[in-house]
Structures are given as structure tokens and as C-alpha cells.
C-alpha atoms as a PDB file:
ATOM      1  CA  MET A   1     -22.817   4.384-119.957  1.00  0.00           C
ATOM      2  CA  ASN A   2     -20.682   4.988-116.888  1.00  0.00           C
ATOM      3  CA  ARG A   3     -19.134   1.535-116.585  1.00  0.00           C
ATOM      4  CA  PHE A   4     -15.969   2.951-115.030  1.00  0.00           C
ATOM      5  CA  ASP A   5     -17.301   5.240-112.323  1.00  0.00           C
ATOM      6  CA  GLY A   6     -14.889   5.167-109.406  1.00  0.00           C
ATOM      7  CA  LYS A   7     -12.172   3.434-111.457  1.00  0.00           C
ATOM      8  CA  VAL A   8      -8.667   4.652-112.279  1.00  0.00           C
ATOM      9  CA  ALA A   9      -7.073   3.732-115.609  1.00  0.00           C
ATOM     10  CA  LEU A  10      -3.441   4.107-116.673  1.00  0.00           C
ATOM     11  CA  VAL A  11      -2.632   3.844-120.381  1.00  0.00           C
ATOM     12  CA  THR A  12       0.962   3.641-121.542  1.00  0.00           C
ATOM     13  CA  GLY A  13       1.356   5.160-124.979  1.00  0.00           C
ATOM     14  CA  GLY A  14      -1.751   7.175-124.151  1.00  0.00           C
ATOM     15  CA  GLY A  15      -0.545  10.304-125.899  1.00  0.00           C
ATOM     16  CA  ARG A  16      -1.768   9.359-129.368  1.00  0.00           C
ATOM     17  CA  GLY A  17      -3.367   6.699-131.532  1.00  0.00           C
ATOM     18  CA  ILE A  18      -5.074   3.707-129.945  1.00  0.00           C
ATOM     19  CA  GLY A  19      -3.829   4.730-126.505  1.00  0.00           C
ATOM     20  CA  LYS A  20      -5.387   8.171-126.783  1.00  0.00           C
ATOM     21  CA  ALA A  21      -8.705   6.779-128.050  1.00  0.00           C
ATOM     22  CA  THR A  22      -8.741   4.270-125.187  1.00  0.00           C
ATOM     23  CA  LEU A  23      -8.010   6.976-122.644  1.00  0.00           C
ATOM     24  CA  ALA A  24     -10.847   9.093-124.032  1.00  0.00           C
ATOM     25  CA  ARG A  25     -13.235   6.122-123.915  1.00  0.00           C
ATOM     26  CA  PHE A  26     -12.439   5.434-120.266  1.00  0.00           C
ATOM     27  CA  ALA A  27     -12.851   9.107-119.363  1.00  0.00           C
ATOM     28  CA  ALA A  28     -16.164   9.314-121.223  1.00  0.00           C
ATOM     29  CA  GLU A  29     -17.432   6.355-119.192  1.00  0.00           C
ATOM     30  CA  GLY A  30     -16.546   7.834-115.839  1.00  0.00           C
ATOM     31  CA  ALA A  31     -12.963   6.768-115.103  1.00  0.00           C
ATOM     32  CA  GLN A  32     -10.169   8.941-113.821  1.00  0.00           C
ATOM     33  CA  VAL A  33      -7.368   8.532-116.341  1.00  0.00           C
ATOM     34  CA  ALA A  34      -3.617   8.898-116.677  1.00  0.00           C
ATOM     35  CA  ALA A  35      -1.480   8.708-119.813  1.00  0.00           C
ATOM     36  CA  ALA A  36       2.181   7.665-119.730  1.00  0.00           C
ATOM     37  CA  ASP A  37       4.017   8.696-122.883  1.00  0.00           C
ATOM     38  CA  LEU A  38       6.942  10.704-124.220  1.00  0.00           C
ATOM     39  CA  SER A  39       4.702  13.350-125.800  1.00  0.00           C
ATOM     40  CA  PHE A  40       1.010  14.191-125.826  1.00  0.00           C
ATOM     41  CA  GLU A  41      -1.488  15.575-128.294  1.00  0.00           C
ATOM     42  CA  ASP A  42      -3.221  18.687-127.013  1.00  0.00           C
ATOM     43  CA  ASP A  43      -6.617  17.153-126.220  1.00  0.00           C
ATOM     44  CA  ILE A  44      -5.412  14.293-124.010  1.00  0.00           C
ATOM     45  CA  PRO A  45      -7.657  14.034-120.925  1.00  0.00           C
ATOM     46  CA  GLY A  46      -6.482  13.408-117.389  1.00  0.00           C
ATOM     47  CA  LEU A  47      -3.047  13.138-115.835  1.00  0.00           C
ATOM     48  CA  ARG A  48      -0.052  13.342-118.175  1.00  0.00           C
ATOM     49  CA  LEU A  49       3.037  11.421-117.130  1.00  0.00           C
ATOM     50  CA  GLU A  50       6.136  11.894-119.285  1.00  0.00           C
ATOM     51  CA  THR A  51       7.523   8.372-119.346  1.00  0.00           C
ATOM     52  CA  ASP A  52      10.046   6.296-121.263  1.00  0.00           C
ATOM     53  CA  VAL A  53       8.524   2.835-120.876  1.00  0.00           C
ATOM     54  CA  THR A  54      11.918   1.161-121.253  1.00  0.00           C
ATOM     55  CA  VAL A  55      13.230   2.784-118.052  1.00  0.00           C
ATOM     56  CA  ARG A  56      12.189   1.001-114.861  1.00  0.00           C
ATOM     57  CA  GLN A  57      12.374   4.063-112.606  1.00  0.00           C
ATOM     58  CA  GLN A  58      10.159   6.108-114.931  1.00  0.00           C
ATOM     59  CA  VAL A  59       7.534   3.384-115.313  1.00  0.00           C
ATOM     60  CA  GLU A  60       7.371   2.720-111.597  1.00  0.00           C
ATOM     61  CA  ALA A  61       7.145   6.463-110.950  1.00  0.00           C
ATOM     62  CA  ALA A  62       4.235   6.748-113.423  1.00  0.00           C
ATOM     63  CA  VAL A  63       2.340   3.990-111.624  1.00  0.00           C
ATOM     64  CA  GLU A  64       3.029   5.489-108.199  1.00  0.00           C
ATOM     65  CA  ARG A  65       1.955   8.969-109.292  1.00  0.00           C
ATOM     66  CA  THR A  66      -1.249   7.523-110.702  1.00  0.00           C
ATOM     67  CA  VAL A  67      -1.969   5.846-107.383  1.00  0.00           C
ATOM     68  CA  GLU A  68      -1.049   8.895-105.314  1.00  0.00           C
ATOM     69  CA  GLU A  69      -2.830  11.535-107.384  1.00  0.00           C
ATOM     70  CA  LEU A  70      -5.886   9.580-108.569  1.00  0.00           C
ATOM     71  CA  GLY A  71      -6.335   7.256-105.623  1.00  0.00           C
ATOM     72  CA  GLY A  72      -5.404   3.866-107.052  1.00  0.00           C
ATOM     73  CA  ILE A  73      -5.019   1.845-110.230  1.00  0.00           C
ATOM     74  CA  ASP A  74      -7.802  -0.462-111.395  1.00  0.00           C
ATOM     75  CA  ILE A  75      -6.989  -0.697-115.102  1.00  0.00           C
ATOM     76  CA  LEU A  76      -3.741  -0.893-117.051  1.00  0.00           C
ATOM     77  CA  VAL A  77      -3.540  -0.797-120.843  1.00  0.00           C
ATOM     78  CA  THR A  78      -0.107  -1.096-122.457  1.00  0.00           C
ATOM     79  CA  CYS A  79      -0.254   0.725-125.789  1.00  0.00           C
ATOM     80  CA  ALA A  80       3.284   2.139-125.990  1.00  0.00           C
ATOM     81  CA  GLY A  81       4.978   0.999-129.175  1.00  0.00           C
ATOM     82  CA  ILE A  82       7.284   1.873-132.048  1.00  0.00           C
ATOM     83  CA  ILE A  83       8.246   0.365-135.389  1.00  0.00           C
ATOM     84  CA  ARG A  84      11.645   0.099-137.055  1.00  0.00           C
ATOM     85  CA  ASP A  85      10.679  -1.849-140.169  1.00  0.00           C
ATOM     86  CA  ASN A  86      13.106  -3.454-142.580  1.00  0.00           C
ATOM     87  CA  LEU A  87      13.873  -6.765-144.230  1.00  0.00           C
ATOM     88  CA  VAL A  88      15.957  -9.100-142.111  1.00  0.00           C
ATOM     89  CA  HIS A  89      19.214  -8.522-144.000  1.00  0.00           C
ATOM     90  CA  LYS A  90      18.865  -4.777-143.445  1.00  0.00           C
ATOM     91  CA  LEU A  91      17.814  -4.787-139.775  1.00  0.00           C
ATOM     92  CA  THR A  92      20.399  -3.242-137.454  1.00  0.00           C
ATOM     93  CA  ASP A  93      21.061  -4.127-133.845  1.00  0.00           C
ATOM     94  CA  ASP A  94      19.520  -0.779-132.882  1.00  0.00           C
ATOM     95  CA  ASP A  95      16.377  -1.549-134.924  1.00  0.00           C
ATOM     96  CA  TRP A  96      15.999  -4.836-133.083  1.00  0.00           C
ATOM     97  CA  GLU A  97      16.804  -3.602-129.590  1.00  0.00           C
ATOM     98  CA  ALA A  98      14.598  -0.497-129.759  1.00  0.00           C
ATOM     99  CA  VAL A  99      11.473  -2.412-130.805  1.00  0.00           C
ATOM    100  CA  ILE A 100      12.002  -5.319-128.411  1.00  0.00           C
ATOM    101  CA  ALA A 101      12.736  -2.959-125.508  1.00  0.00           C
ATOM    102  CA  THR A 102       9.732  -0.724-126.101  1.00  0.00           C
ATOM    103  CA  HIS A 103       7.192  -3.505-126.575  1.00  0.00           C
ATOM    104  CA  LEU A 104       8.424  -6.360-124.394  1.00  0.00           C
ATOM    105  CA  ARG A 105      10.430  -4.616-121.688  1.00  0.00           C
ATOM    106  CA  GLY A 106       7.935  -1.743-121.590  1.00  0.00           C
ATOM    107  CA  THR A 107       5.005  -4.111-121.163  1.00  0.00           C
ATOM    108  CA  PHE A 108       6.856  -6.157-118.549  1.00  0.00           C
ATOM    109  CA  LEU A 109       7.787  -3.109-116.473  1.00  0.00           C
ATOM    110  CA  ALA A 110       4.262  -1.664-116.573  1.00  0.00           C
ATOM    111  CA  THR A 111       2.511  -4.912-115.691  1.00  0.00           C
ATOM    112  CA  GLN A 112       4.982  -5.697-112.928  1.00  0.00           C
ATOM    113  CA  ALA A 113       4.550  -2.274-111.322  1.00  0.00           C
ATOM    114  CA  ALA A 114       0.749  -2.276-111.644  1.00  0.00           C
ATOM    115  CA  GLN A 115       0.221  -5.817-110.379  1.00  0.00           C
ATOM    116  CA  ARG A 116       1.707  -4.949-107.002  1.00  0.00           C
ATOM    117  CA  HIS A 117      -1.238  -2.658-106.323  1.00  0.00           C
ATOM    118  CA  MET A 118      -3.808  -4.913-107.995  1.00  0.00           C
ATOM    119  CA  VAL A 119      -2.690  -7.950-105.993  1.00  0.00           C
ATOM    120  CA  GLU A 120      -2.981  -5.963-102.775  1.00  0.00           C
ATOM    121  CA  GLN A 121      -6.494  -4.802-103.611  1.00  0.00           C
ATOM    122  CA  LYS A 122      -7.488  -8.255-104.923  1.00  0.00           C
ATOM    123  CA  GLY A 123      -8.650  -7.081-108.327  1.00  0.00           C
ATOM    124  CA  GLY A 124      -7.847  -5.271-111.543  1.00  0.00           C
ATOM    125  CA  LYS A 125      -7.900  -5.386-115.322  1.00  0.00           C
ATOM    126  CA  MET A 126      -4.981  -5.443-117.745  1.00  0.00           C
ATOM    127  CA  VAL A 127      -5.130  -5.316-121.526  1.00  0.00           C
ATOM    128  CA  LEU A 128      -1.903  -5.739-123.473  1.00  0.00           C
ATOM    129  CA  ILE A 129      -1.637  -4.617-127.085  1.00  0.00           C
ATOM    130  CA  SER A 130      -0.351  -7.099-129.651  1.00  0.00           C
ATOM    131  CA  SER A 131      -0.902  -7.003-133.418  1.00  0.00           C
ATOM    132  CA  THR A 132      -1.827  -9.204-136.353  1.00  0.00           C
ATOM    133  CA  SER A 133       1.874  -8.901-137.161  1.00  0.00           C
ATOM    134  CA  ALA A 134       2.410 -11.494-134.413  1.00  0.00           C
ATOM    135  CA  LEU A 135       1.362 -13.991-137.082  1.00  0.00           C
ATOM    136  CA  GLY A 136       4.182 -12.804-139.362  1.00  0.00           C
ATOM    137  CA  ASN A 137       4.569  -9.781-141.604  1.00  0.00           C
ATOM    138  CA  ARG A 138       7.182  -9.038-144.241  1.00  0.00           C
ATOM    139  CA  GLY A 139       9.640  -6.373-143.125  1.00  0.00           C
ATOM    140  CA  GLN A 140       8.673  -6.616-139.457  1.00  0.00           C
ATOM    141  CA  LEU A 141      10.810  -9.368-137.936  1.00  0.00           C
ATOM    142  CA  ASN A 142      11.469  -7.309-134.803  1.00  0.00           C
ATOM    143  CA  TYR A 143       7.890  -6.068-134.434  1.00  0.00           C
ATOM    144  CA  SER A 144       6.394  -9.507-135.140  1.00  0.00           C
ATOM    145  CA  ALA A 145       8.617 -11.130-132.533  1.00  0.00           C
ATOM    146  CA  ALA A 146       7.706  -8.500-129.949  1.00  0.00           C
ATOM    147  CA  LYS A 147       3.984  -8.719-130.605  1.00  0.00           C
ATOM    148  CA  ALA A 148       4.025 -12.517-130.484  1.00  0.00           C
ATOM    149  CA  GLY A 149       5.857 -12.267-127.179  1.00  0.00           C
ATOM    150  CA  ILE A 150       3.128 -10.045-125.779  1.00  0.00           C
ATOM    151  CA  GLN A 151       0.563 -12.747-126.493  1.00  0.00           C
ATOM    152  CA  GLY A 152       2.676 -15.181-124.478  1.00  0.00           C
ATOM    153  CA  MET A 153       2.983 -12.642-121.688  1.00  0.00           C
ATOM    154  CA  THR A 154      -0.799 -12.300-121.623  1.00  0.00           C
ATOM    155  CA  LYS A 155      -1.350 -16.036-121.167  1.00  0.00           C
ATOM    156  CA  THR A 156       1.256 -16.269-118.408  1.00  0.00           C
ATOM    157  CA  LEU A 157       0.067 -13.192-116.528  1.00  0.00           C
ATOM    158  CA  ALA A 158      -3.512 -14.486-116.652  1.00  0.00           C
ATOM    159  CA  LEU A 159      -2.340 -17.750-115.083  1.00  0.00           C
ATOM    160  CA  GLU A 160      -0.273 -16.064-112.384  1.00  0.00           C
ATOM    161  CA  LEU A 161      -2.627 -13.230-111.453  1.00  0.00           C
ATOM    162  CA  GLY A 162      -6.040 -14.854-111.808  1.00  0.00           C
ATOM    163  CA  ARG A 163      -6.126 -16.034-108.189  1.00  0.00           C
ATOM    164  CA  PHE A 164      -5.938 -12.380-107.132  1.00  0.00           C
ATOM    165  CA  GLY A 165      -9.015 -11.446-109.163  1.00  0.00           C
ATOM    166  CA  ILE A 166      -6.987  -9.822-111.948  1.00  0.00           C
ATOM    167  CA  ASN A 167      -8.126 -10.288-115.555  1.00  0.00           C
ATOM    168  CA  VAL A 168      -5.397 -10.092-118.197  1.00  0.00           C
ATOM    169  CA  ASN A 169      -6.303 -10.052-121.885  1.00  0.00           C
ATOM    170  CA  CYS A 170      -4.789  -8.999-125.176  1.00  0.00           C
ATOM    171  CA  VAL A 171      -6.025  -7.287-128.313  1.00  0.00           C
ATOM    172  CA  ALA A 172      -4.277  -7.699-131.650  1.00  0.00           C
ATOM    173  CA  PRO A 173      -5.299  -4.978-134.087  1.00  0.00           C
ATOM    174  CA  GLY A 174      -4.814  -5.219-137.803  1.00  0.00           C
ATOM    175  CA  PHE A 175      -4.307  -2.095-139.900  1.00  0.00           C
ATOM    176  CA  ILE A 176      -5.490   0.858-137.801  1.00  0.00           C
ATOM    177  CA  SER A 177      -5.273   4.410-139.137  1.00  0.00           C
ATOM    178  CA  THR A 178      -2.625   5.961-136.858  1.00  0.00           C
ATOM    179  CA  ALA A 179       0.674   7.797-137.075  1.00  0.00           C
ATOM    180  CA  MET A 180       2.421   4.418-136.840  1.00  0.00           C
ATOM    181  CA  THR A 181       0.726   3.023-139.944  1.00  0.00           C
ATOM    182  CA  ALA A 182       1.454   6.317-141.688  1.00  0.00           C
ATOM    183  CA  GLN A 183       5.117   5.473-141.094  1.00  0.00           C
ATOM    184  CA  THR A 184       4.541   2.183-142.897  1.00  0.00           C
ATOM    185  CA  ALA A 185       3.227   4.061-145.926  1.00  0.00           C
ATOM    186  CA  GLU A 186       6.304   6.270-145.857  1.00  0.00           C
ATOM    187  CA  ARG A 187       8.584   3.216-145.710  1.00  0.00           C
ATOM    188  CA  LEU A 188       6.786   1.719-148.708  1.00  0.00           C
ATOM    189  CA  GLY A 189       7.006   5.003-150.612  1.00  0.00           C
ATOM    190  CA  VAL A 190       3.249   5.386-151.098  1.00  0.00           C
ATOM    191  CA  GLU A 191       0.683   7.953-150.032  1.00  0.00           C
ATOM    192  CA  PHE A 192      -1.038   7.046-146.778  1.00  0.00           C
ATOM    193  CA  GLU A 193      -4.530   7.412-148.257  1.00  0.00           C
ATOM    194  CA  ASP A 194      -3.560   5.120-151.142  1.00  0.00           C
ATOM    195  CA  LEU A 195      -2.261   2.509-148.707  1.00  0.00           C
ATOM    196  CA  LYS A 196      -5.460   2.690-146.667  1.00  0.00           C
ATOM    197  CA  SER A 197      -7.525   2.219-149.827  1.00  0.00           C
ATOM    198  CA  THR A 198      -5.471  -0.828-150.816  1.00  0.00           C
ATOM    199  CA  VAL A 199      -5.834  -2.348-147.357  1.00  0.00           C
ATOM    200  CA  ALA A 200      -9.573  -1.620-147.224  1.00  0.00           C
ATOM    201  CA  ASP A 201     -10.063  -3.613-150.422  1.00  0.00           C
ATOM    202  CA  GLN A 202      -8.658  -6.679-148.627  1.00  0.00           C
ATOM    203  CA  VAL A 203     -10.728  -6.320-145.443  1.00  0.00           C
ATOM    204  CA  PRO A 204     -14.089  -8.158-145.376  1.00  0.00           C
ATOM    205  CA  LEU A 205     -15.776  -5.145-143.731  1.00  0.00           C
ATOM    206  CA  GLY A 206     -14.448  -2.943-146.523  1.00  0.00           C
ATOM    207  CA  ARG A 207     -12.581  -0.327-144.478  1.00  0.00           C
ATOM    208  CA  VAL A 208      -9.481   0.155-142.384  1.00  0.00           C
ATOM    209  CA  GLY A 209      -9.789   0.321-138.624  1.00  0.00           C
ATOM    210  CA  GLU A 210      -9.847   3.501-136.561  1.00  0.00           C
ATOM    211  CA  PRO A 211      -8.369   3.863-133.062  1.00  0.00           C
ATOM    212  CA  GLU A 212     -11.898   3.945-131.639  1.00  0.00           C
ATOM    213  CA  ASP A 213     -12.535   0.442-133.035  1.00  0.00           C
ATOM    214  CA  ALA A 214      -9.765  -0.910-130.821  1.00  0.00           C
ATOM    215  CA  ALA A 215     -10.733   1.293-127.871  1.00  0.00           C
ATOM    216  CA  GLY A 216     -14.236  -0.170-127.787  1.00  0.00           C
ATOM    217  CA  VAL A 217     -12.944  -3.729-127.469  1.00  0.00           C
ATOM    218  CA  ILE A 218     -10.399  -2.709-124.839  1.00  0.00           C
ATOM    219  CA  ALA A 219     -13.115  -0.979-122.822  1.00  0.00           C
ATOM    220  CA  PHE A 220     -15.264  -4.120-122.964  1.00  0.00           C
ATOM    221  CA  LEU A 221     -12.392  -6.259-121.660  1.00  0.00           C
ATOM    222  CA  CYS A 222     -11.862  -3.825-118.779  1.00  0.00           C
ATOM    223  CA  SER A 223     -15.543  -3.733-117.841  1.00  0.00           C
ATOM    224  CA  ASP A 224     -17.613  -6.002-115.623  1.00  0.00           C
ATOM    225  CA  ASP A 225     -19.175  -7.372-118.815  1.00  0.00           C
ATOM    226  CA  ALA A 226     -15.910  -9.314-119.298  1.00  0.00           C
ATOM    227  CA  ALA A 227     -15.574 -10.420-115.665  1.00  0.00           C
ATOM    228  CA  TYR A 228     -15.092 -14.075-116.684  1.00  0.00           C
ATOM    229  CA  VAL A 229     -12.781 -13.421-119.636  1.00  0.00           C
ATOM    230  CA  SER A 230      -9.041 -13.769-119.067  1.00  0.00           C
ATOM    231  CA  GLY A 231      -5.990 -14.947-120.976  1.00  0.00           C
ATOM    232  CA  GLN A 232      -7.613 -14.291-124.351  1.00  0.00           C
ATOM    233  CA  VAL A 233      -6.272 -12.706-127.537  1.00  0.00           C
ATOM    234  CA  ILE A 234      -8.864 -10.857-129.601  1.00  0.00           C
ATOM    235  CA  TYR A 235      -7.992  -9.896-133.172  1.00  0.00           C
ATOM    236  CA  ILE A 236      -9.417  -6.589-134.383  1.00  0.00           C
ATOM    237  CA  ARG A 237      -9.039  -6.623-138.130  1.00  0.00           C
ATOM    238  CA  GLY A 238     -12.445  -6.323-139.755  1.00  0.00           C
ATOM    239  CA  GLY A 239     -12.745  -9.999-140.568  1.00  0.00           C
ATOM    240  CA  PRO A 240     -11.502 -13.510-139.771  1.00  0.00           C
END
């Protein structure tokens, strides 16, 4: 399929994990793509924009470069994220601030910069990345709060931007096999493969998710097939 011929997609956090898989999916279906991240794996397609998503000037510059070099911005996916896991009595101010800034401020800055162009052109697609941790997860007070906030941002952006033909949706992955979940295994003091096996036993579909599982849903939400879908949160966790 070439659902994204003539489209330009910017993915924050596109240098690895779900962001990278999403970028590759867009490129494979005809889009011109740009990744905004602090570092990039070697096989990242498209334009690479070194960006700290917590810094307004850098985020706005990434959006403007995308528009200038690729001819516009039709799709924004906000995948940039970090974890600083710990139980509440051990969380530091830095642990809290870093996670909140990256997820909430980073998403706010990217959506604000992108919507200026989308409003002008009377159309666009945004997909924000939340997590099942938004429902609560031991050792992730900061991350859970940030990911719950992103779901609220999605609903509000959909209300504000819908009259300009802009669809805003959210995906909330469960356990996806990425470098971030490998950090969780390290925090728990277990081997990553053992953790994945334990998680898979609890998933109705019997396996952990891969970045491509999330990328497929994101691509659907950014396609014309989802033209009448907005303000929704879709959980990607292999079961109910």
C-alpha cells in the first residue's frame, strides 16, 4: 500500500523503538519522513533532526526544518519518552521533573508547533503516545502521571483542532520489546528475556508486543481509513 504518498510525517523519538518502527512504516507506504531525537540508530530513514523535545527552540526548529526541507507537515507522532522508575518514597525531584518534562512538555511543544501549519492547511493527523501505565503501575508514579496526562491532552486537542480538519488520537501500548522495557528488566534485576517470558504468560495473545505492532495501529490512525476517528485512546496490549 502507498497510503501516504505525497504526505510528510514527523516523529519525535523517531531514532529507536516504536518511533523508529513508525517512521519506517510511513516511509514504506510512501511518506517523506523526519525523525526528531537525541540520537539515531544507523538505519533510520529520512531526515534526522537532533532535538531535545523539552526545549522549545529545538522543537520549533525541527518542525520548521521538516516543513522547509520536505515541503510541509501532514502527520505528527510524539514518541519521545524516558523512564526514571522508582517507588514513591525513593523518587527524586529530578526523576519527577525529567519524566514530566519529556512526556508532557515535549508533547505540548511538538503539537503546538505542528498545529500552526496544520491549521493553516486545514488538515492533518496527530497521534500521541501514552501507555497502559496511565492506568497505574507500581514504581512508575512519574511515568503513569505523564502518560495519563497525554490521554487528557489528546481529548482536548481533538476538541480544539477538529474544526480545522485535524484528527488527534492516542495509542497506549502495553509491554513492547524496546530498549525502554529492557531498562525495566535491569531495574528489577532480571534478564530481559526472562521478563518478556513472564509478561507473555499474562498476555491473552501469548506474546509481548513488538514496535511494529504499535506502528501498524499508528499508521491506521494517520490514514484516510481513520478519517472519522478522533479523540480516541487505543490500547495495544494483546488483550482486553
